Amino acid sequence: MGSIQSAVNDKGQLISDPNLSKVAVLPIVTIFWLAVALVGIFVPCFFWKYKHRLTLQVSIVTTAVCLYTFWLLAFLAQLNPLTGPQLEEDLAHHIRQVWGASKSDSYECQE
């Protein structure tokens, strides 16, 4: 079975698969910003009498490239973060007491 078929169960209900959404988002956003860049290249060609046509083309394409690069870096940084949330020991202990330690925790809260 392919990844798209495995995202639907026997009853036809969609199963949320975080790996599928990570894979699907990258080409969708890439195609969107590629389309914006292509619009920036070809649409100003219809304004051939416009004095600053080349400036308009360069501005739109540069904007598309910069925004796509920013989005891509933010997306990739979230896939594999360098650090996780840092909590002080007192705060972590208080959270464990208030929320209750789950059975999967390998440590017990000592009061």
PDB file of N, CA and C in Angstrom:
ATOM      1  N   MET A   1       0.828  -1.182   0.000  1.00  0.00           N
ATOM      2  CA  MET A   1       0.000   0.000   0.000  1.00  0.00           C
ATOM      3  C   MET A   1       0.870   1.242   0.000  1.00  0.00           C
ATOM      4  N   GLY A   2       0.439   2.242  -0.727  1.00  0.00           N
ATOM      5  CA  GLY A   2       1.168   3.498  -0.772  1.00  0.00           C
ATOM      6  C   GLY A   2       0.849   4.352   0.440  1.00  0.00           C
ATOM      7  N   SER A   3       1.566   5.442   0.587  1.00  0.00           N
ATOM      8  CA  SER A   3       1.373   6.288   1.758  1.00  0.00           C
ATOM      9  C   SER A   3       0.019   6.988   1.744  1.00  0.00           C
ATOM     10  N   ILE A   4      -0.538   7.253   0.559  1.00  0.00           N
ATOM     11  CA  ILE A   4      -1.838   7.917   0.499  1.00  0.00           C
ATOM     12  C   ILE A   4      -2.938   6.941   0.898  1.00  0.00           C
ATOM     13  N   GLN A   5      -2.849   5.684   0.453  1.00  0.00           N
ATOM     14  CA  GLN A   5      -3.852   4.700   0.818  1.00  0.00           C
ATOM     15  C   GLN A   5      -3.795   4.365   2.297  1.00  0.00           C
ATOM     16  N   SER A   6      -2.627   4.390   2.888  1.00  0.00           N
ATOM     17  CA  SER A   6      -2.510   4.064   4.301  1.00  0.00           C
ATOM     18  C   SER A   6      -3.015   5.194   5.186  1.00  0.00           C
ATOM     19  N   ALA A   7      -3.335   6.341   4.602  1.00  0.00           N
ATOM     20  CA  ALA A   7      -3.853   7.456   5.387  1.00  0.00           C
ATOM     21  C   ALA A   7      -5.365   7.366   5.558  1.00  0.00           C
ATOM     22  N   VAL A   8      -6.012   6.331   4.986  1.00  0.00           N
ATOM     23  CA  VAL A   8      -7.452   6.148   5.109  1.00  0.00           C
ATOM     24  C   VAL A   8      -7.700   4.757   5.685  1.00  0.00           C
ATOM     25  N   ASN A   9      -8.542   4.673   6.716  1.00  0.00           N
ATOM     26  CA  ASN A   9      -8.805   3.364   7.311  1.00  0.00           C
ATOM     27  C   ASN A   9      -9.872   2.620   6.524  1.00  0.00           C
ATOM     28  N   ASP A  10     -10.296   1.437   7.025  1.00  0.00           N
ATOM     29  CA  ASP A  10     -11.264   0.604   6.310  1.00  0.00           C
ATOM     30  C   ASP A  10     -12.626   1.264   6.153  1.00  0.00           C
ATOM     31  N   LYS A  11     -12.984   2.149   7.078  1.00  0.00           N
ATOM     32  CA  LYS A  11     -14.281   2.825   7.014  1.00  0.00           C
ATOM     33  C   LYS A  11     -14.239   4.063   6.132  1.00  0.00           C
ATOM     34  N   GLY A  12     -13.084   4.382   5.548  1.00  0.00           N
ATOM     35  CA  GLY A  12     -12.965   5.547   4.701  1.00  0.00           C
ATOM     36  C   GLY A  12     -12.676   6.827   5.453  1.00  0.00           C
ATOM     37  N   GLN A  13     -12.342   6.707   6.749  1.00  0.00           N
ATOM     38  CA  GLN A  13     -12.049   7.888   7.546  1.00  0.00           C
ATOM     39  C   GLN A  13     -10.564   8.205   7.440  1.00  0.00           C
ATOM     40  N   LEU A  14     -10.277   9.475   7.408  1.00  0.00           N
ATOM     41  CA  LEU A  14      -8.894   9.922   7.286  1.00  0.00           C
ATOM     42  C   LEU A  14      -8.170   9.724   8.607  1.00  0.00           C
ATOM     43  N   ILE A  15      -6.991   9.110   8.526  1.00  0.00           N
ATOM     44  CA  ILE A  15      -6.140   8.918   9.697  1.00  0.00           C
ATOM     45  C   ILE A  15      -5.088  10.007   9.662  1.00  0.00           C
ATOM     46  N   SER A  16      -4.923  10.697  10.772  1.00  0.00           N
ATOM     47  CA  SER A  16      -3.927  11.766  10.776  1.00  0.00           C
ATOM     48  C   SER A  16      -2.545  11.146  10.874  1.00  0.00           C
ATOM     49  N   ASP A  17      -1.747  11.380   9.875  1.00  0.00           N
ATOM     50  CA  ASP A  17      -0.384  10.848   9.815  1.00  0.00           C
ATOM     51  C   ASP A  17       0.563  12.030   9.726  1.00  0.00           C
ATOM     52  N   PRO A  18       1.303  12.358  10.806  1.00  0.00           N
ATOM     53  CA  PRO A  18       2.160  13.536  10.776  1.00  0.00           C
ATOM     54  C   PRO A  18       3.259  13.444   9.732  1.00  0.00           C
ATOM     55  N   ASN A  19       3.740  12.249   9.445  1.00  0.00           N
ATOM     56  CA  ASN A  19       4.779  12.114   8.420  1.00  0.00           C
ATOM     57  C   ASN A  19       4.241  12.433   7.035  1.00  0.00           C
ATOM     58  N   LEU A  20       2.990  12.077   6.778  1.00  0.00           N
ATOM     59  CA  LEU A  20       2.381  12.371   5.489  1.00  0.00           C
ATOM     60  C   LEU A  20       2.220  13.866   5.296  1.00  0.00           C
ATOM     61  N   SER A  21       1.831  14.581   6.354  1.00  0.00           N
ATOM     62  CA  SER A  21       1.641  16.019   6.222  1.00  0.00           C
ATOM     63  C   SER A  21       2.978  16.735   6.015  1.00  0.00           C
ATOM     64  N   LYS A  22       4.041  16.243   6.641  1.00  0.00           N
ATOM     65  CA  LYS A  22       5.354  16.856   6.439  1.00  0.00           C
ATOM     66  C   LYS A  22       5.816  16.680   4.998  1.00  0.00           C
ATOM     67  N   VAL A  23       5.526  15.527   4.434  1.00  0.00           N
ATOM     68  CA  VAL A  23       5.943  15.256   3.061  1.00  0.00           C
ATOM     69  C   VAL A  23       5.088  16.040   2.077  1.00  0.00           C
ATOM     70  N   ALA A  24       3.821  16.207   2.366  1.00  0.00           N
ATOM     71  CA  ALA A  24       2.905  16.859   1.431  1.00  0.00           C
ATOM     72  C   ALA A  24       3.070  18.370   1.404  1.00  0.00           C
ATOM     73  N   VAL A  25       3.462  18.974   2.512  1.00  0.00           N
ATOM     74  CA  VAL A  25       3.531  20.429   2.585  1.00  0.00           C
ATOM     75  C   VAL A  25       4.672  20.995   1.748  1.00  0.00           C
ATOM     76  N   LEU A  26       5.794  20.349   1.722  1.00  0.00           N
ATOM     77  CA  LEU A  26       6.961  20.882   1.021  1.00  0.00           C
ATOM     78  C   LEU A  26       6.713  21.092  -0.473  1.00  0.00           C
ATOM     79  N   PRO A  27       6.220  20.100  -1.228  1.00  0.00           N
ATOM     80  CA  PRO A  27       5.972  20.364  -2.653  1.00  0.00           C
ATOM     81  C   PRO A  27       4.850  21.364  -2.912  1.00  0.00           C
ATOM     82  N   ILE A  28       3.839  21.399  -2.041  1.00  0.00           N
ATOM     83  CA  ILE A  28       2.735  22.336  -2.243  1.00  0.00           C
ATOM     84  C   ILE A  28       3.231  23.774  -2.126  1.00  0.00           C
ATOM     85  N   VAL A  29       3.991  24.068  -1.086  1.00  0.00           N
ATOM     86  CA  VAL A  29       4.497  25.427  -0.889  1.00  0.00           C
ATOM     87  C   VAL A  29       5.528  25.769  -1.958  1.00  0.00           C
ATOM     88  N   THR A  30       6.340  24.804  -2.348  1.00  0.00           N
ATOM     89  CA  THR A  30       7.328  25.040  -3.411  1.00  0.00           C
ATOM     90  C   THR A  30       6.634  25.400  -4.720  1.00  0.00           C
ATOM     91  N   ILE A  31       5.590  24.671  -5.056  1.00  0.00           N
ATOM     92  CA  ILE A  31       4.850  24.964  -6.294  1.00  0.00           C
ATOM     93  C   ILE A  31       4.185  26.334  -6.214  1.00  0.00           C
ATOM     94  N   PHE A  32       3.655  26.695  -5.043  1.00  0.00           N
ATOM     95  CA  PHE A  32       3.036  28.010  -4.881  1.00  0.00           C
ATOM     96  C   PHE A  32       4.042  29.125  -5.145  1.00  0.00           C
ATOM     97  N   TRP A  33       5.221  29.068  -4.514  1.00  0.00           N
ATOM     98  CA  TRP A  33       6.191  30.152  -4.689  1.00  0.00           C
ATOM     99  C   TRP A  33       6.811  30.123  -6.082  1.00  0.00           C
ATOM    100  N   LEU A  34       6.893  28.964  -6.694  1.00  0.00           N
ATOM    101  CA  LEU A  34       7.341  28.893  -8.086  1.00  0.00           C
ATOM    102  C   LEU A  34       6.319  29.576  -9.000  1.00  0.00           C
ATOM    103  N   ALA A  35       5.032  29.373  -8.712  1.00  0.00           N
ATOM    104  CA  ALA A  35       3.980  30.037  -9.495  1.00  0.00           C
ATOM    105  C   ALA A  35       4.041  31.551  -9.320  1.00  0.00           C
ATOM    106  N   VAL A  36       4.293  32.013  -8.095  1.00  0.00           N
ATOM    107  CA  VAL A  36       4.416  33.458  -7.864  1.00  0.00           C
ATOM    108  C   VAL A  36       5.592  34.018  -8.657  1.00  0.00           C
ATOM    109  N   ALA A  37       6.713  33.302  -8.668  1.00  0.00           N
ATOM    110  CA  ALA A  37       7.880  33.759  -9.424  1.00  0.00           C
ATOM    111  C   ALA A  37       7.583  33.783 -10.929  1.00  0.00           C
ATOM    112  N   LEU A  38       6.873  32.765 -11.427  1.00  0.00           N
ATOM    113  CA  LEU A  38       6.532  32.741 -12.845  1.00  0.00           C
ATOM    114  C   LEU A  38       5.574  33.875 -13.213  1.00  0.00           C
ATOM    115  N   VAL A  39       4.646  34.181 -12.326  1.00  0.00           N
ATOM    116  CA  VAL A  39       3.759  35.327 -12.547  1.00  0.00           C
ATOM    117  C   VAL A  39       4.588  36.600 -12.602  1.00  0.00           C
ATOM    118  N   GLY A  40       5.563  36.698 -11.718  1.00  0.00           N
ATOM    119  CA  GLY A  40       6.434  37.876 -11.710  1.00  0.00           C
ATOM    120  C   GLY A  40       7.274  38.007 -12.955  1.00  0.00           C
ATOM    121  N   ILE A  41       7.571  36.884 -13.595  1.00  0.00           N
ATOM    122  CA  ILE A  41       8.360  36.929 -14.833  1.00  0.00           C
ATOM    123  C   ILE A  41       7.482  37.266 -16.031  1.00  0.00           C
ATOM    124  N   PHE A  42       6.317  36.619 -16.145  1.00  0.00           N
ATOM    125  CA  PHE A  42       5.537  36.712 -17.369  1.00  0.00           C
ATOM    126  C   PHE A  42       4.462  37.794 -17.386  1.00  0.00           C
ATOM    127  N   VAL A  43       3.831  38.092 -16.282  1.00  0.00           N
ATOM    128  CA  VAL A  43       2.755  39.092 -16.282  1.00  0.00           C
ATOM    129  C   VAL A  43       3.270  40.486 -16.647  1.00  0.00           C
ATOM    130  N   PRO A  44       4.420  40.947 -16.113  1.00  0.00           N
ATOM    131  CA  PRO A  44       4.898  42.271 -16.533  1.00  0.00           C
ATOM    132  C   PRO A  44       5.240  42.362 -18.024  1.00  0.00           C
ATOM    133  N   CYS A  45       5.379  41.244 -18.695  1.00  0.00           N
ATOM    134  CA  CYS A  45       5.642  41.285 -20.142  1.00  0.00           C
ATOM    135  C   CYS A  45       4.460  41.870 -20.911  1.00  0.00           C
ATOM    136  N   PHE A  46       3.257  41.794 -20.339  1.00  0.00           N
ATOM    137  CA  PHE A  46       2.081  42.366 -20.979  1.00  0.00           C
ATOM    138  C   PHE A  46       2.055  43.890 -20.871  1.00  0.00           C
ATOM    139  N   PHE A  47       2.852  44.421 -19.975  1.00  0.00           N
ATOM    140  CA  PHE A  47       2.948  45.872 -19.822  1.00  0.00           C
ATOM    141  C   PHE A  47       4.220  46.360 -20.503  1.00  0.00           C
ATOM    142  N   TRP A  48       4.349  46.090 -21.779  1.00  0.00           N
ATOM    143  CA  TRP A  48       5.599  46.379 -22.492  1.00  0.00           C
ATOM    144  C   TRP A  48       5.878  47.865 -22.624  1.00  0.00           C
ATOM    145  N   LYS A  49       4.847  48.715 -22.464  1.00  0.00           N
ATOM    146  CA  LYS A  49       5.074  50.154 -22.545  1.00  0.00           C
ATOM    147  C   LYS A  49       5.444  50.749 -21.188  1.00  0.00           C
ATOM    148  N   TYR A  50       5.294  49.953 -20.135  1.00  0.00           N
ATOM    149  CA  TYR A  50       5.599  50.442 -18.796  1.00  0.00           C
ATOM    150  C   TYR A  50       7.095  50.669 -18.676  1.00  0.00           C
ATOM    151  N   LYS A  51       7.462  51.841 -18.196  1.00  0.00           N
ATOM    152  CA  LYS A  51       8.855  52.261 -18.159  1.00  0.00           C
ATOM    153  C   LYS A  51       9.706  51.398 -17.214  1.00  0.00           C
ATOM    154  N   HIS A  52       9.130  50.974 -16.092  1.00  0.00           N
ATOM    155  CA  HIS A  52       9.890  50.239 -15.080  1.00  0.00           C
ATOM    156  C   HIS A  52       9.484  48.758 -15.034  1.00  0.00           C
ATOM    157  N   ARG A  53       9.246  48.173 -16.187  1.00  0.00           N
ATOM    158  CA  ARG A  53       8.810  46.776 -16.266  1.00  0.00           C
ATOM    159  C   ARG A  53       9.849  45.831 -15.685  1.00  0.00           C
ATOM    160  N   LEU A  54      11.117  46.047 -16.006  1.00  0.00           N
ATOM    161  CA  LEU A  54      12.178  45.170 -15.511  1.00  0.00           C
ATOM    162  C   LEU A  54      12.303  45.267 -13.989  1.00  0.00           C
ATOM    163  N   THR A  55      12.136  46.464 -13.456  1.00  0.00           N
ATOM    164  CA  THR A  55      12.186  46.640 -11.999  1.00  0.00           C
ATOM    165  C   THR A  55      11.044  45.877 -11.334  1.00  0.00           C
ATOM    166  N   LEU A  56       9.869  45.908 -11.943  1.00  0.00           N
ATOM    167  CA  LEU A  56       8.725  45.171 -11.414  1.00  0.00           C
ATOM    168  C   LEU A  56       8.989  43.671 -11.442  1.00  0.00           C
ATOM    169  N   GLN A  57       9.540  43.167 -12.538  1.00  0.00           N
ATOM    170  CA  GLN A  57       9.845  41.747 -12.638  1.00  0.00           C
ATOM    171  C   GLN A  57      10.858  41.318 -11.576  1.00  0.00           C
ATOM    172  N   VAL A  58      11.923  42.074 -11.464  1.00  0.00           N
ATOM    173  CA  VAL A  58      12.966  41.735 -10.495  1.00  0.00           C
ATOM    174  C   VAL A  58      12.421  41.794  -9.073  1.00  0.00           C
ATOM    175  N   SER A  59      11.591  42.764  -8.784  1.00  0.00           N
ATOM    176  CA  SER A  59      11.019  42.904  -7.439  1.00  0.00           C
ATOM    177  C   SER A  59      10.134  41.711  -7.080  1.00  0.00           C
ATOM    178  N   ILE A  60       9.275  41.313  -7.996  1.00  0.00           N
ATOM    179  CA  ILE A  60       8.364  40.199  -7.715  1.00  0.00           C
ATOM    180  C   ILE A  60       9.127  38.887  -7.574  1.00  0.00           C
ATOM    181  N   VAL A  61      10.073  38.639  -8.466  1.00  0.00           N
ATOM    182  CA  VAL A  61      10.842  37.392  -8.403  1.00  0.00           C
ATOM    183  C   VAL A  61      11.721  37.363  -7.148  1.00  0.00           C
ATOM    184  N   THR A  62      12.350  38.482  -6.822  1.00  0.00           N
ATOM    185  CA  THR A  62      13.188  38.527  -5.617  1.00  0.00           C
ATOM    186  C   THR A  62      12.342  38.324  -4.363  1.00  0.00           C
ATOM    187  N   THR A  63      11.155  38.909  -4.329  1.00  0.00           N
ATOM    188  CA  THR A  63      10.255  38.709  -3.193  1.00  0.00           C
ATOM    189  C   THR A  63       9.876  37.242  -3.055  1.00  0.00           C
ATOM    190  N   ALA A  64       9.533  36.600  -4.167  1.00  0.00           N
ATOM    191  CA  ALA A  64       9.159  35.183  -4.128  1.00  0.00           C
ATOM    192  C   ALA A  64      10.323  34.318  -3.641  1.00  0.00           C
ATOM    193  N   VAL A  65      11.514  34.588  -4.132  1.00  0.00           N
ATOM    194  CA  VAL A  65      12.685  33.797  -3.728  1.00  0.00           C
ATOM    195  C   VAL A  65      12.988  34.003  -2.245  1.00  0.00           C
ATOM    196  N   CYS A  66      12.955  35.235  -1.777  1.00  0.00           N
ATOM    197  CA  CYS A  66      13.266  35.519  -0.371  1.00  0.00           C
ATOM    198  C   CYS A  66      12.226  34.922   0.578  1.00  0.00           C
ATOM    199  N   LEU A  67      10.944  35.074   0.247  1.00  0.00           N
ATOM    200  CA  LEU A  67       9.910  34.527   1.114  1.00  0.00           C
ATOM    201  C   LEU A  67       9.936  33.000   1.121  1.00  0.00           C
ATOM    202  N   TYR A  68      10.194  32.385  -0.022  1.00  0.00           N
ATOM    203  CA  TYR A  68      10.303  30.929  -0.062  1.00  0.00           C
ATOM    204  C   TYR A  68      11.506  30.457   0.755  1.00  0.00           C
ATOM    205  N   THR A  69      12.629  31.145   0.632  1.00  0.00           N
ATOM    206  CA  THR A  69      13.816  30.765   1.402  1.00  0.00           C
ATOM    207  C   THR A  69      13.559  30.896   2.895  1.00  0.00           C
ATOM    208  N   PHE A  70      12.903  31.980   3.309  1.00  0.00           N
ATOM    209  CA  PHE A  70      12.560  32.164   4.715  1.00  0.00           C
ATOM    210  C   PHE A  70      11.654  31.044   5.197  1.00  0.00           C
ATOM    211  N   TRP A  71      10.614  30.726   4.425  1.00  0.00           N
ATOM    212  CA  TRP A  71       9.694  29.663   4.814  1.00  0.00           C
ATOM    213  C   TRP A  71      10.421  28.323   4.890  1.00  0.00           C
ATOM    214  N   LEU A  72      11.260  28.031   3.911  1.00  0.00           N
ATOM    215  CA  LEU A  72      11.975  26.750   3.883  1.00  0.00           C
ATOM    216  C   LEU A  72      12.887  26.606   5.097  1.00  0.00           C
ATOM    217  N   LEU A  73      13.602  27.653   5.447  1.00  0.00           N
ATOM    218  CA  LEU A  73      14.482  27.583   6.619  1.00  0.00           C
ATOM    219  C   LEU A  73      13.679  27.392   7.908  1.00  0.00           C
ATOM    220  N   ALA A  74      12.559  28.080   8.034  1.00  0.00           N
ATOM    221  CA  ALA A  74      11.717  27.910   9.224  1.00  0.00           C
ATOM    222  C   ALA A  74      11.130  26.498   9.275  1.00  0.00           C
ATOM    223  N   PHE A  75      10.716  25.971   8.131  1.00  0.00           N
ATOM    224  CA  PHE A  75      10.157  24.615   8.058  1.00  0.00           C
ATOM    225  C   PHE A  75      11.204  23.579   8.430  1.00  0.00           C
ATOM    226  N   LEU A  76      12.399  23.690   7.865  1.00  0.00           N
ATOM    227  CA  LEU A  76      13.459  22.724   8.152  1.00  0.00           C
ATOM    228  C   LEU A  76      13.936  22.821   9.599  1.00  0.00           C
ATOM    229  N   ALA A  77      13.932  24.017  10.168  1.00  0.00           N
ATOM    230  CA  ALA A  77      14.339  24.172  11.568  1.00  0.00           C
ATOM    231  C   ALA A  77      13.357  23.484  12.506  1.00  0.00           C
ATOM    232  N   GLN A  78      12.087  23.425  12.131  1.00  0.00           N
ATOM    233  CA  GLN A  78      11.093  22.761  12.972  1.00  0.00           C
ATOM    234  C   GLN A  78      11.131  21.249  12.825  1.00  0.00           C
ATOM    235  N   LEU A  79      11.654  20.745  11.709  1.00  0.00           N
ATOM    236  CA  LEU A  79      11.740  19.302  11.533  1.00  0.00           C
ATOM    237  C   LEU A  79      12.741  18.674  12.492  1.00  0.00           C
ATOM    238  N   ASN A  80      13.856  19.342  12.712  1.00  0.00           N
ATOM    239  CA  ASN A  80      14.898  18.810  13.576  1.00  0.00           C
ATOM    240  C   ASN A  80      15.445  19.937  14.446  1.00  0.00           C
ATOM    241  N   PRO A  81      14.740  20.289  15.518  1.00  0.00           N
ATOM    242  CA  PRO A  81      15.196  21.405  16.340  1.00  0.00           C
ATOM    243  C   PRO A  81      16.501  21.071  17.053  1.00  0.00           C
ATOM    244  N   LEU A  82      17.337  22.079  17.229  1.00  0.00           N
ATOM    245  CA  LEU A  82      18.623  21.871  17.889  1.00  0.00           C
ATOM    246  C   LEU A  82      18.457  21.715  19.393  1.00  0.00           C
ATOM    247  N   THR A  83      17.511  22.433  19.977  1.00  0.00           N
ATOM    248  CA  THR A  83      17.273  22.334  21.419  1.00  0.00           C
ATOM    249  C   THR A  83      15.786  22.202  21.669  1.00  0.00           C
ATOM    250  N   GLY A  84      15.463  21.589  22.767  1.00  0.00           N
ATOM    251  CA  GLY A  84      14.076  21.479  23.177  1.00  0.00           C
ATOM    252  C   GLY A  84      13.777  22.545  24.209  1.00  0.00           C
ATOM    253  N   PRO A  85      12.585  22.532  24.740  1.00  0.00           N
ATOM    254  CA  PRO A  85      12.252  23.517  25.767  1.00  0.00           C
ATOM    255  C   PRO A  85      13.090  23.272  27.023  1.00  0.00           C
ATOM    256  N   GLN A  86      13.587  24.320  27.599  1.00  0.00           N
ATOM    257  CA  GLN A  86      14.418  24.226  28.791  1.00  0.00           C
ATOM    258  C   GLN A  86      13.602  24.685  29.997  1.00  0.00           C
ATOM    259  N   LEU A  87      13.411  23.791  30.947  1.00  0.00           N
ATOM    260  CA  LEU A  87      12.679  24.125  32.166  1.00  0.00           C
ATOM    261  C   LEU A  87      13.619  23.996  33.354  1.00  0.00           C
ATOM    262  N   GLU A  88      13.444  24.900  34.289  1.00  0.00           N
ATOM    263  CA  GLU A  88      14.187  24.774  35.533  1.00  0.00           C
ATOM    264  C   GLU A  88      13.628  23.588  36.313  1.00  0.00           C
ATOM    265  N   GLU A  89      14.447  22.984  37.159  1.00  0.00           N
ATOM    266  CA  GLU A  89      14.043  21.782  37.879  1.00  0.00           C
ATOM    267  C   GLU A  89      12.847  22.042  38.785  1.00  0.00           C
ATOM    268  N   ASP A  90      12.794  23.206  39.428  1.00  0.00           N
ATOM    269  CA  ASP A  90      11.660  23.524  40.302  1.00  0.00           C
ATOM    270  C   ASP A  90      10.358  23.598  39.512  1.00  0.00           C
ATOM    271  N   LEU A  91      10.404  24.240  38.354  1.00  0.00           N
ATOM    272  CA  LEU A  91       9.208  24.359  37.528  1.00  0.00           C
ATOM    273  C   LEU A  91       8.784  22.997  36.988  1.00  0.00           C
ATOM    274  N   ALA A  92       9.742  22.187  36.554  1.00  0.00           N
ATOM    275  CA  ALA A  92       9.419  20.854  36.048  1.00  0.00           C
ATOM    276  C   ALA A  92       8.803  19.988  37.149  1.00  0.00           C
ATOM    277  N   HIS A  93       9.333  20.083  38.352  1.00  0.00           N
ATOM    278  CA  HIS A  93       8.787  19.323  39.477  1.00  0.00           C
ATOM    279  C   HIS A  93       7.365  19.790  39.794  1.00  0.00           C
ATOM    280  N   HIS A  94       7.131  21.094  39.772  1.00  0.00           N
ATOM    281  CA  HIS A  94       5.788  21.627  40.030  1.00  0.00           C
ATOM    282  C   HIS A  94       4.803  21.161  38.952  1.00  0.00           C
ATOM    283  N   ILE A  95       5.216  21.175  37.711  1.00  0.00           N
ATOM    284  CA  ILE A  95       4.337  20.723  36.620  1.00  0.00           C
ATOM    285  C   ILE A  95       4.004  19.250  36.792  1.00  0.00           C
ATOM    286  N   ARG A  96       4.989  18.437  37.156  1.00  0.00           N
ATOM    287  CA  ARG A  96       4.739  17.009  37.379  1.00  0.00           C
ATOM    288  C   ARG A  96       3.748  16.796  38.525  1.00  0.00           C
ATOM    289  N   GLN A  97       3.842  17.601  39.566  1.00  0.00           N
ATOM    290  CA  GLN A  97       2.922  17.454  40.692  1.00  0.00           C
ATOM    291  C   GLN A  97       1.509  17.877  40.309  1.00  0.00           C
ATOM    292  N   VAL A  98       1.378  18.999  39.622  1.00  0.00           N
ATOM    293  CA  VAL A  98       0.053  19.519  39.272  1.00  0.00           C
ATOM    294  C   VAL A  98      -0.617  18.647  38.212  1.00  0.00           C
ATOM    295  N   TRP A  99       0.112  18.274  37.193  1.00  0.00           N
ATOM    296  CA  TRP A  99      -0.468  17.502  36.096  1.00  0.00           C
ATOM    297  C   TRP A  99      -0.484  16.013  36.387  1.00  0.00           C
ATOM    298  N   GLY A 100       0.360  15.596  37.293  1.00  0.00           N
ATOM    299  CA  GLY A 100       0.454  14.169  37.596  1.00  0.00           C
ATOM    300  C   GLY A 100       1.421  13.492  36.645  1.00  0.00           C
ATOM    301  N   ALA A 101       2.269  12.668  37.188  1.00  0.00           N
ATOM    302  CA  ALA A 101       3.249  11.953  36.364  1.00  0.00           C
ATOM    303  C   ALA A 101       2.541  10.817  35.645  1.00  0.00           C
ATOM    304  N   SER A 102       2.834  10.637  34.381  1.00  0.00           N
ATOM    305  CA  SER A 102       2.208   9.544  33.632  1.00  0.00           C
ATOM    306  C   SER A 102       2.911   8.241  33.955  1.00  0.00           C
ATOM    307  N   LYS A 103       2.279   7.131  33.601  1.00  0.00           N
ATOM    308  CA  LYS A 103       2.850   5.815  33.891  1.00  0.00           C
ATOM    309  C   LYS A 103       4.080   5.537  33.049  1.00  0.00           C
ATOM    310  N   SER A 104       4.241   6.268  31.941  1.00  0.00           N
ATOM    311  CA  SER A 104       5.385   6.027  31.072  1.00  0.00           C
ATOM    312  C   SER A 104       6.644   6.735  31.561  1.00  0.00           C
ATOM    313  N   ASP A 105       6.495   7.596  32.564  1.00  0.00           N
ATOM    314  CA  ASP A 105       7.689   8.287  33.105  1.00  0.00           C
ATOM    315  C   ASP A 105       8.570   7.272  33.822  1.00  0.00           C
ATOM    316  N   SER A 106       9.865   7.411  33.622  1.00  0.00           N
ATOM    317  CA  SER A 106      10.805   6.482  34.232  1.00  0.00           C
ATOM    318  C   SER A 106      11.209   6.948  35.626  1.00  0.00           C
ATOM    319  N   TYR A 107      10.687   8.054  36.069  1.00  0.00           N
ATOM    320  CA  TYR A 107      11.039   8.573  37.380  1.00  0.00           C
ATOM    321  C   TYR A 107       9.771   8.911  38.133  1.00  0.00           C
ATOM    322  N   GLU A 108       9.878   8.954  39.405  1.00  0.00           N
ATOM    323  CA  GLU A 108       8.744   9.296  40.265  1.00  0.00           C
ATOM    324  C   GLU A 108       8.990  10.653  40.894  1.00  0.00           C
ATOM    325  N   CYS A 109       7.945  11.382  41.132  1.00  0.00           N
ATOM    326  CA  CYS A 109       8.064  12.662  41.828  1.00  0.00           C
ATOM    327  C   CYS A 109       8.254  12.374  43.305  1.00  0.00           C
ATOM    328  N   GLN A 110       9.260  12.944  43.865  1.00  0.00           N
ATOM    329  CA  GLN A 110       9.482  12.778  45.291  1.00  0.00           C
ATOM    330  C   GLN A 110       9.058  14.049  45.998  1.00  0.00           C
ATOM    331  N   GLU A 111       8.206  13.903  46.977  1.00  0.00           N
ATOM    332  CA  GLU A 111       7.686  15.076  47.675  1.00  0.00           C
ATOM    333  C   GLU A 111       8.420  15.321  48.953  1.00  0.00           C
TER     334      GLU A 111
END
